[in-house]
Amino acid sequence: MQTTEFFFPGNLADGALTMAVKRYTPVAVANNRENAEAVSMLFTHNVGTHKETWQPTIERLFELQAATLGSKIFIAEAWVIDSPNHGHAGVLNERAFLERPNGISAHECGRGVQTLFNSGLMRAGIKCIGVGHSAGACVIVLSTMGYHVADLPLASIILIEPAMLTQEIAAKAVAEPAMAMVAVIKAAQARRDVWASRDEAEQYFRRRLPWSRWLPAVLQQFVEHGLKNLPSLTHPGQTNGVTLACTKTQEIAGYVYYQDGMDAMNRFEEIAATIPTHCILGSEIDVVPEAVHNACIEAGRSSVQRIAGAGHLVVQEKPAELASAIWRALKQTDFEPVSARL
């Protein structure tokens, strides 16, 4: 596939943070695509990673597309976008976030996605399908805020292990934080964040959870794009080596925006009455409780697939299997308005 990277200013009211996006376009395509409907896809990532996390999944999607005869959908382009404090965007916005220890909300990230919708970069005249993982699911859903439900920028939504919350689940999470989430935050707080080289960092990750469960191709993307060279504003005295592109402070801040999860759930229920929705989940319940899974499925009246042997980080652990699930969801997507299908 071909890759092109773009940088542009985000929403002015949110500080015009630099947005970093990539467009992947397929090189090998099925010969009989003439009767297929061309679509764009837009992918958002989970907390603590970066846009290129999606690359192995997208590569496999393009392979499946090239091998499928008679598909009704043709993926003309796939876009990935960094949250402004992650990945390449996190490097470019480093100074701004040094003064924002509370990080960035999914609402702000969603408005950043809207700047991509309005940029003129995406292929015009074709439908866009949003795919969001974990907190990225909230971002995808909230990127539709301000649009009438009859005129949404997304024609369908596929949520991967969504971190969306009902009011009851959020209240319980505040009163009694789940042990899994407590463990995630404690691990982020205690995490080493400086290495002498990318090679040393990779060896460190290979021996420790959660990275030891990641597919090597995904881990290589993290080593390349999830780290930045020193010195940095957070480590000004260290001139050699690498550190995290998304700082520990920014990662931890991303785990506590419960209101975002509730707002996304409410919006998801609204838009699911208009566009088709799908949920893809890991078979292992580790970070996201089953009650959250069930609430998201019910709110969206979504089709459901589960990836065997994967937990919450299914994008990192099982990208090929996830691509197959996304491809199945695409093949069964009916773009007719929900009201017309009832």
Protein backbone atom coordinates (compact mmCIF):
# COMPACT_ATOMS: atom_id res chain seq x y z
CA MET A 1 0.00 0.00 0.00
CA GLN A 2 1.01 3.61 -0.48
CA THR A 3 1.39 5.93 2.51
CA THR A 4 1.14 9.72 2.67
CA GLU A 5 1.43 11.81 5.85
CA PHE A 6 -0.25 15.17 6.45
CA PHE A 7 0.00 17.81 9.18
CA PHE A 8 -2.46 20.68 9.68
CA PRO A 9 -3.83 22.86 12.50
CA GLY A 10 -6.66 21.46 14.59
CA ASN A 11 -9.70 23.19 16.01
CA LEU A 12 -8.89 26.83 16.76
CA ALA A 13 -11.02 26.96 19.92
CA ASP A 14 -9.08 23.98 21.31
CA GLY A 15 -5.71 25.64 20.77
CA ALA A 16 -5.10 24.82 17.09
CA LEU A 17 -3.01 21.83 18.10
CA THR A 18 -1.17 20.20 15.21
CA MET A 19 -3.02 17.21 13.76
CA ALA A 20 -0.96 14.34 12.33
CA VAL A 21 -2.70 11.93 9.95
CA LYS A 22 -1.71 9.27 7.44
CA ARG A 23 -3.53 8.04 4.37
CA TYR A 24 -3.04 4.46 3.20
CA THR A 25 -4.20 3.56 -0.29
CA PRO A 26 -4.23 0.02 -1.71
CA VAL A 27 -1.91 -0.94 -4.55
CA ALA A 28 -3.15 -4.48 -5.23
CA VAL A 29 -6.93 -4.48 -5.71
CA ALA A 30 -9.51 -6.92 -7.01
CA ASN A 31 -10.07 -6.68 -10.75
CA ASN A 32 -13.86 -6.64 -10.45
CA ARG A 33 -14.24 -3.62 -8.21
CA GLU A 34 -16.32 -1.74 -10.79
CA ASN A 35 -19.56 -2.83 -9.16
CA ALA A 36 -18.34 -2.15 -5.61
CA GLU A 37 -19.09 1.01 -3.66
CA ALA A 38 -15.92 2.95 -2.82
CA VAL A 39 -15.59 3.99 0.83
CA SER A 40 -13.07 5.77 3.03
CA MET A 41 -12.19 4.37 6.45
CA LEU A 42 -11.01 6.41 9.43
CA PHE A 43 -9.27 4.76 12.40
CA THR A 44 -8.68 6.18 15.90
CA HIS A 45 -6.43 4.56 18.50
CA ASN A 46 -6.48 3.78 22.22
CA VAL A 47 -4.73 5.70 25.00
CA GLY A 48 -0.95 5.36 25.11
CA THR A 49 -0.33 4.33 21.51
CA HIS A 50 -0.34 6.11 18.13
CA LYS A 51 -1.97 6.08 14.72
CA GLU A 52 0.43 3.56 13.12
CA THR A 53 -0.79 0.92 15.57
CA TRP A 54 -3.47 0.32 12.95
CA GLN A 55 -1.04 -0.32 10.08
CA PRO A 56 -0.85 -4.16 10.35
CA THR A 57 -4.65 -4.37 10.52
CA ILE A 58 -5.04 -2.11 7.48
CA GLU A 59 -2.41 -4.05 5.52
CA ARG A 60 -4.39 -7.23 6.14
CA LEU A 61 -7.66 -5.50 5.19
CA PHE A 62 -6.18 -4.54 1.83
CA GLU A 63 -4.98 -8.13 1.32
CA LEU A 64 -8.46 -9.46 2.04
CA GLN A 65 -9.94 -6.92 -0.33
CA ALA A 66 -7.57 -7.90 -3.13
CA ALA A 67 -8.40 -11.58 -2.64
CA THR A 68 -12.17 -11.16 -2.52
CA LEU A 69 -14.21 -11.49 -5.68
CA GLY A 70 -17.52 -9.71 -6.02
CA SER A 71 -17.30 -7.56 -2.88
CA LYS A 72 -19.92 -4.84 -2.67
CA ILE A 73 -17.47 -2.48 -0.91
CA PHE A 74 -14.07 -1.23 -2.06
CA ILE A 75 -11.83 0.53 0.49
CA ALA A 76 -10.40 3.38 -1.58
CA GLU A 77 -8.42 4.88 1.30
CA ALA A 78 -7.79 4.31 4.99
CA TRP A 79 -6.94 7.21 7.29
CA VAL A 80 -5.30 7.02 10.71
CA ILE A 81 -5.07 9.99 13.06
CA ASP A 82 -3.00 10.65 16.17
CA SER A 83 -4.66 11.99 19.26
CA PRO A 84 -2.90 15.38 19.61
CA ASN A 85 -0.83 14.27 22.63
CA HIS A 86 0.21 10.93 21.11
CA GLY A 87 2.65 9.77 18.46
CA HIS A 88 3.98 12.28 15.96
CA ALA A 89 1.33 14.78 17.02
CA GLY A 90 2.50 14.46 20.63
CA VAL A 91 6.03 15.39 19.57
CA LEU A 92 4.83 18.40 17.58
CA ASN A 93 2.50 19.54 20.39
CA GLU A 94 4.98 18.80 23.19
CA ARG A 95 5.22 22.36 24.49
CA ALA A 96 1.45 22.87 24.52
CA PHE A 97 0.88 19.73 26.58
CA LEU A 98 3.64 20.55 29.04
CA GLU A 99 1.18 23.19 30.25
CA ARG A 100 -1.82 20.83 30.08
CA PRO A 101 -1.19 18.05 32.63
CA ASN A 102 -4.87 17.12 32.48
CA GLY A 103 -4.42 16.05 28.89
CA ILE A 104 -7.12 16.26 26.27
CA SER A 105 -10.71 15.10 26.26
CA ALA A 106 -12.36 12.85 23.68
CA HIS A 107 -14.58 15.82 22.80
CA GLU A 108 -11.49 17.83 21.83
CA CYS A 109 -10.05 14.88 19.93
CA GLY A 110 -13.40 14.49 18.16
CA ARG A 111 -13.30 18.12 17.09
CA GLY A 112 -9.78 17.46 15.83
CA VAL A 113 -11.18 14.64 13.69
CA GLN A 114 -13.72 17.11 12.33
CA THR A 115 -10.84 19.25 11.02
CA LEU A 116 -9.87 16.25 8.90
CA PHE A 117 -13.47 15.94 7.65
CA ASN A 118 -13.31 19.61 6.64
CA SER A 119 -9.74 19.64 5.32
CA GLY A 120 -10.51 18.64 1.75
CA LEU A 121 -7.93 15.84 2.02
CA MET A 122 -10.38 12.96 2.17
CA ARG A 123 -11.76 11.62 -1.07
CA ALA A 124 -14.93 13.51 -1.91
CA GLY A 125 -18.26 11.95 -2.78
CA ILE A 126 -17.83 8.61 -1.01
CA LYS A 127 -19.03 7.35 2.34
CA CYS A 128 -16.73 7.26 5.37
CA ILE A 129 -16.71 4.43 7.91
CA GLY A 130 -15.33 5.21 11.36
CA VAL A 131 -13.40 2.61 13.36
CA GLY A 132 -12.43 3.39 16.95
CA HIS A 133 -10.57 1.33 19.55
CA SER A 134 -11.10 1.80 23.30
CA ALA A 135 -11.01 5.56 24.05
CA GLY A 136 -10.73 5.99 20.29
CA ALA A 137 -14.27 4.63 20.10
CA CYS A 138 -15.41 7.65 22.13
CA VAL A 139 -13.45 9.92 19.76
CA ILE A 140 -15.08 8.41 16.66
CA VAL A 141 -18.56 8.75 18.12
CA LEU A 142 -18.00 12.29 19.43
CA SER A 143 -16.61 13.38 16.06
CA THR A 144 -20.27 13.39 14.96
CA MET A 145 -21.27 16.00 17.55
CA GLY A 146 -22.80 19.11 15.99
CA TYR A 147 -24.07 17.18 12.99
CA HIS A 148 -27.75 16.40 12.54
CA VAL A 149 -28.39 12.66 12.76
CA ALA A 150 -29.71 12.76 9.19
CA ASP A 151 -26.48 14.34 7.89
CA LEU A 152 -23.62 12.58 9.70
CA PRO A 153 -20.01 12.59 8.44
CA LEU A 154 -19.87 8.81 9.01
CA ALA A 155 -22.02 6.28 7.16
CA SER A 156 -21.25 3.45 9.60
CA ILE A 157 -19.31 2.92 12.82
CA ILE A 158 -17.25 -0.08 13.93
CA LEU A 159 -16.23 -0.01 17.60
CA ILE A 160 -13.39 -2.16 18.90
CA GLU A 161 -13.49 -2.83 22.66
CA PRO A 162 -15.27 0.53 23.22
CA ALA A 163 -14.64 2.37 26.49
CA MET A 164 -18.09 3.97 26.60
CA LEU A 165 -20.08 4.13 29.81
CA THR A 166 -23.64 4.37 30.99
CA GLN A 167 -24.28 6.76 33.87
CA GLU A 168 -24.65 3.82 36.26
CA ILE A 169 -21.39 2.20 35.17
CA ALA A 170 -19.54 5.52 35.39
CA ALA A 171 -20.87 6.21 38.89
CA LYS A 172 -19.67 2.79 40.01
CA ALA A 173 -16.29 3.33 38.34
CA VAL A 174 -15.81 6.55 40.30
CA ALA A 175 -16.96 5.03 43.60
CA GLU A 176 -15.22 1.68 43.15
CA PRO A 177 -12.57 1.80 40.41
CA ALA A 178 -12.16 -1.55 38.70
CA MET A 179 -9.02 -3.36 39.78
CA ALA A 180 -7.98 -3.77 36.15
CA MET A 181 -8.09 -0.03 35.55
CA VAL A 182 -6.30 0.69 38.82
CA ALA A 183 -3.58 -1.71 37.69
CA VAL A 184 -3.32 0.01 34.29
CA ILE A 185 -2.86 3.44 35.91
CA LYS A 186 -0.36 2.16 38.47
CA ALA A 187 1.62 0.47 35.73
CA ALA A 188 1.71 3.70 33.73
CA GLN A 189 2.87 5.65 36.78
CA ALA A 190 5.68 3.20 37.54
CA ARG A 191 6.73 2.66 33.94
CA ARG A 192 10.26 3.29 32.81
CA ASP A 193 10.22 5.97 30.14
CA VAL A 194 13.84 6.52 29.07
CA TRP A 195 16.04 4.09 27.14
CA ALA A 196 19.51 4.41 25.64
CA SER A 197 18.25 3.41 22.20
CA ARG A 198 15.21 2.07 20.35
CA ASP A 199 16.81 -1.37 20.37
CA GLU A 200 17.09 -1.28 24.16
CA ALA A 201 13.51 -0.07 24.43
CA GLU A 202 12.29 -2.91 22.21
CA GLN A 203 14.04 -5.51 24.35
CA TYR A 204 12.46 -3.94 27.44
CA PHE A 205 8.98 -4.12 25.92
CA ARG A 206 9.37 -7.70 24.72
CA ARG A 207 9.86 -8.91 28.29
CA ARG A 208 6.93 -7.08 29.88
CA LEU A 209 3.16 -6.88 29.71
CA PRO A 210 1.25 -5.67 27.84
CA TRP A 211 3.81 -5.45 25.02
CA SER A 212 4.95 -9.08 25.34
CA ARG A 213 1.50 -10.09 24.04
CA TRP A 214 1.66 -7.81 21.02
CA LEU A 215 2.31 -9.06 17.53
CA PRO A 216 5.95 -8.22 16.66
CA ALA A 217 4.87 -6.08 13.69
CA VAL A 218 2.75 -3.92 16.00
CA LEU A 219 5.53 -3.61 18.56
CA GLN A 220 7.92 -2.49 15.82
CA GLN A 221 5.48 0.27 14.91
CA PHE A 222 5.40 1.35 18.58
CA VAL A 223 9.19 1.43 18.81
CA GLU A 224 9.35 3.54 15.65
CA HIS A 225 6.39 5.88 16.20
CA GLY A 226 5.50 5.63 19.90
CA LEU A 227 8.95 6.83 21.02
CA LYS A 228 10.79 10.09 20.37
CA ASN A 229 14.41 11.09 20.51
CA LEU A 230 15.88 12.89 23.50
CA PRO A 231 16.26 15.60 24.64
CA SER A 232 12.64 16.50 25.33
CA LEU A 233 10.90 19.14 27.41
CA THR A 234 10.07 16.48 30.01
CA HIS A 235 13.69 15.23 30.08
CA PRO A 236 15.71 18.34 29.16
CA GLY A 237 18.91 17.15 30.80
CA GLN A 238 19.14 13.89 28.86
CA THR A 239 20.61 14.39 25.41
CA ASN A 240 20.88 10.78 24.22
CA GLY A 241 18.37 7.98 23.89
CA VAL A 242 14.60 7.87 23.51
CA THR A 243 11.49 8.44 25.58
CA LEU A 244 7.73 8.02 25.16
CA ALA A 245 6.06 10.22 22.55
CA CYS A 246 2.97 10.26 24.78
CA THR A 247 4.31 11.12 28.22
CA LYS A 248 3.28 9.18 31.29
CA THR A 249 1.41 12.25 32.55
CA GLN A 250 -0.60 12.48 29.34
CA GLU A 251 -1.34 8.76 29.22
CA ILE A 252 -2.60 8.66 32.81
CA ALA A 253 -4.80 11.69 32.17
CA GLY A 254 -6.46 9.81 29.31
CA TYR A 255 -7.83 7.11 31.61
CA VAL A 256 -10.05 9.29 33.79
CA TYR A 257 -12.38 11.16 31.43
CA TYR A 258 -15.51 9.31 32.55
CA GLN A 259 -17.81 12.06 31.30
CA ASP A 260 -16.47 11.49 27.78
CA GLY A 261 -17.48 7.85 28.03
CA MET A 262 -21.01 8.78 29.09
CA ASP A 263 -21.39 11.46 26.43
CA ALA A 264 -20.17 9.04 23.79
CA MET A 265 -22.64 6.39 24.92
CA ASN A 266 -25.53 8.85 24.73
CA ARG A 267 -24.48 10.05 21.28
CA PHE A 268 -23.94 6.49 20.08
CA GLU A 269 -27.50 5.60 20.99
CA GLU A 270 -28.73 8.61 19.01
CA ILE A 271 -26.79 7.95 15.84
CA ALA A 272 -27.29 4.18 15.91
CA ALA A 273 -30.91 4.88 15.05
CA THR A 274 -29.66 6.29 11.73
CA ILE A 275 -26.51 4.40 10.68
CA PRO A 276 -25.38 0.75 11.00
CA THR A 277 -23.05 -0.04 13.89
CA HIS A 278 -20.83 -2.99 14.74
CA CYS A 279 -18.92 -4.04 17.87
CA ILE A 280 -15.82 -6.23 17.82
CA LEU A 281 -14.60 -7.48 21.18
CA GLY A 282 -11.83 -9.61 22.61
CA SER A 283 -12.94 -12.93 24.04
CA GLU A 284 -10.94 -12.29 27.23
CA ILE A 285 -12.41 -9.86 29.78
CA ASP A 286 -9.40 -8.00 31.15
CA VAL A 287 -9.55 -4.18 31.15
CA VAL A 288 -13.12 -3.42 30.02
CA PRO A 289 -15.81 -5.14 32.13
CA GLU A 290 -18.43 -7.29 30.43
CA ALA A 291 -21.12 -4.84 31.59
CA VAL A 292 -19.50 -2.16 29.41
CA HIS A 293 -19.47 -4.51 26.42
CA ASN A 294 -23.13 -5.34 26.91
CA ALA A 295 -24.16 -1.69 27.36
CA CYS A 296 -22.42 -0.67 24.12
CA ILE A 297 -23.99 -3.53 22.18
CA GLU A 298 -27.44 -2.67 23.51
CA ALA A 299 -27.07 1.08 22.90
CA GLY A 300 -26.08 0.59 19.28
CA ARG A 301 -28.21 -2.47 18.58
CA SER A 302 -24.96 -3.57 17.01
CA SER A 303 -23.79 -6.73 15.33
CA VAL A 304 -21.19 -8.44 17.51
CA GLN A 305 -18.02 -10.41 16.81
CA ARG A 306 -15.47 -11.71 19.30
CA ILE A 307 -11.79 -12.36 18.63
CA ALA A 308 -10.63 -15.56 20.28
CA GLY A 309 -7.51 -15.30 22.42
CA ALA A 310 -7.51 -11.50 22.54
CA GLY A 311 -8.20 -9.10 25.36
CA HIS A 312 -8.82 -5.37 25.36
CA LEU A 313 -5.74 -4.69 23.20
CA VAL A 314 -7.03 -6.75 20.30
CA VAL A 315 -5.59 -4.27 17.76
CA GLN A 316 -2.11 -4.99 19.10
CA GLU A 317 -2.57 -8.69 19.82
CA LYS A 318 -4.58 -10.02 16.86
CA PRO A 319 -4.48 -7.55 13.95
CA ALA A 320 -5.00 -10.18 11.23
CA GLU A 321 -7.99 -11.70 12.99
CA LEU A 322 -9.34 -8.22 13.69
CA ALA A 323 -9.00 -7.30 10.01
CA SER A 324 -11.04 -10.37 9.10
CA ALA A 325 -13.75 -9.31 11.56
CA ILE A 326 -13.79 -5.76 10.18
CA TRP A 327 -14.00 -7.14 6.63
CA ARG A 328 -16.98 -9.30 7.63
CA ALA A 329 -18.65 -6.25 9.19
CA LEU A 330 -18.08 -4.26 6.01
CA LYS A 331 -19.54 -7.00 3.83
CA GLN A 332 -22.74 -7.09 5.88
CA THR A 333 -23.12 -3.32 6.19
CA ASP A 334 -26.31 -1.98 4.66
CA PHE A 335 -25.98 1.75 4.07
CA GLU A 336 -29.72 2.27 3.77
CA PRO A 337 -31.02 4.47 6.61
CA VAL A 338 -32.05 2.39 9.59
CA SER A 339 -35.54 3.89 9.45
CA ALA A 340 -35.88 2.60 5.87
CA ARG A 341 -34.92 -0.93 6.93
CA LEU A 342 -37.42 -1.19 9.80
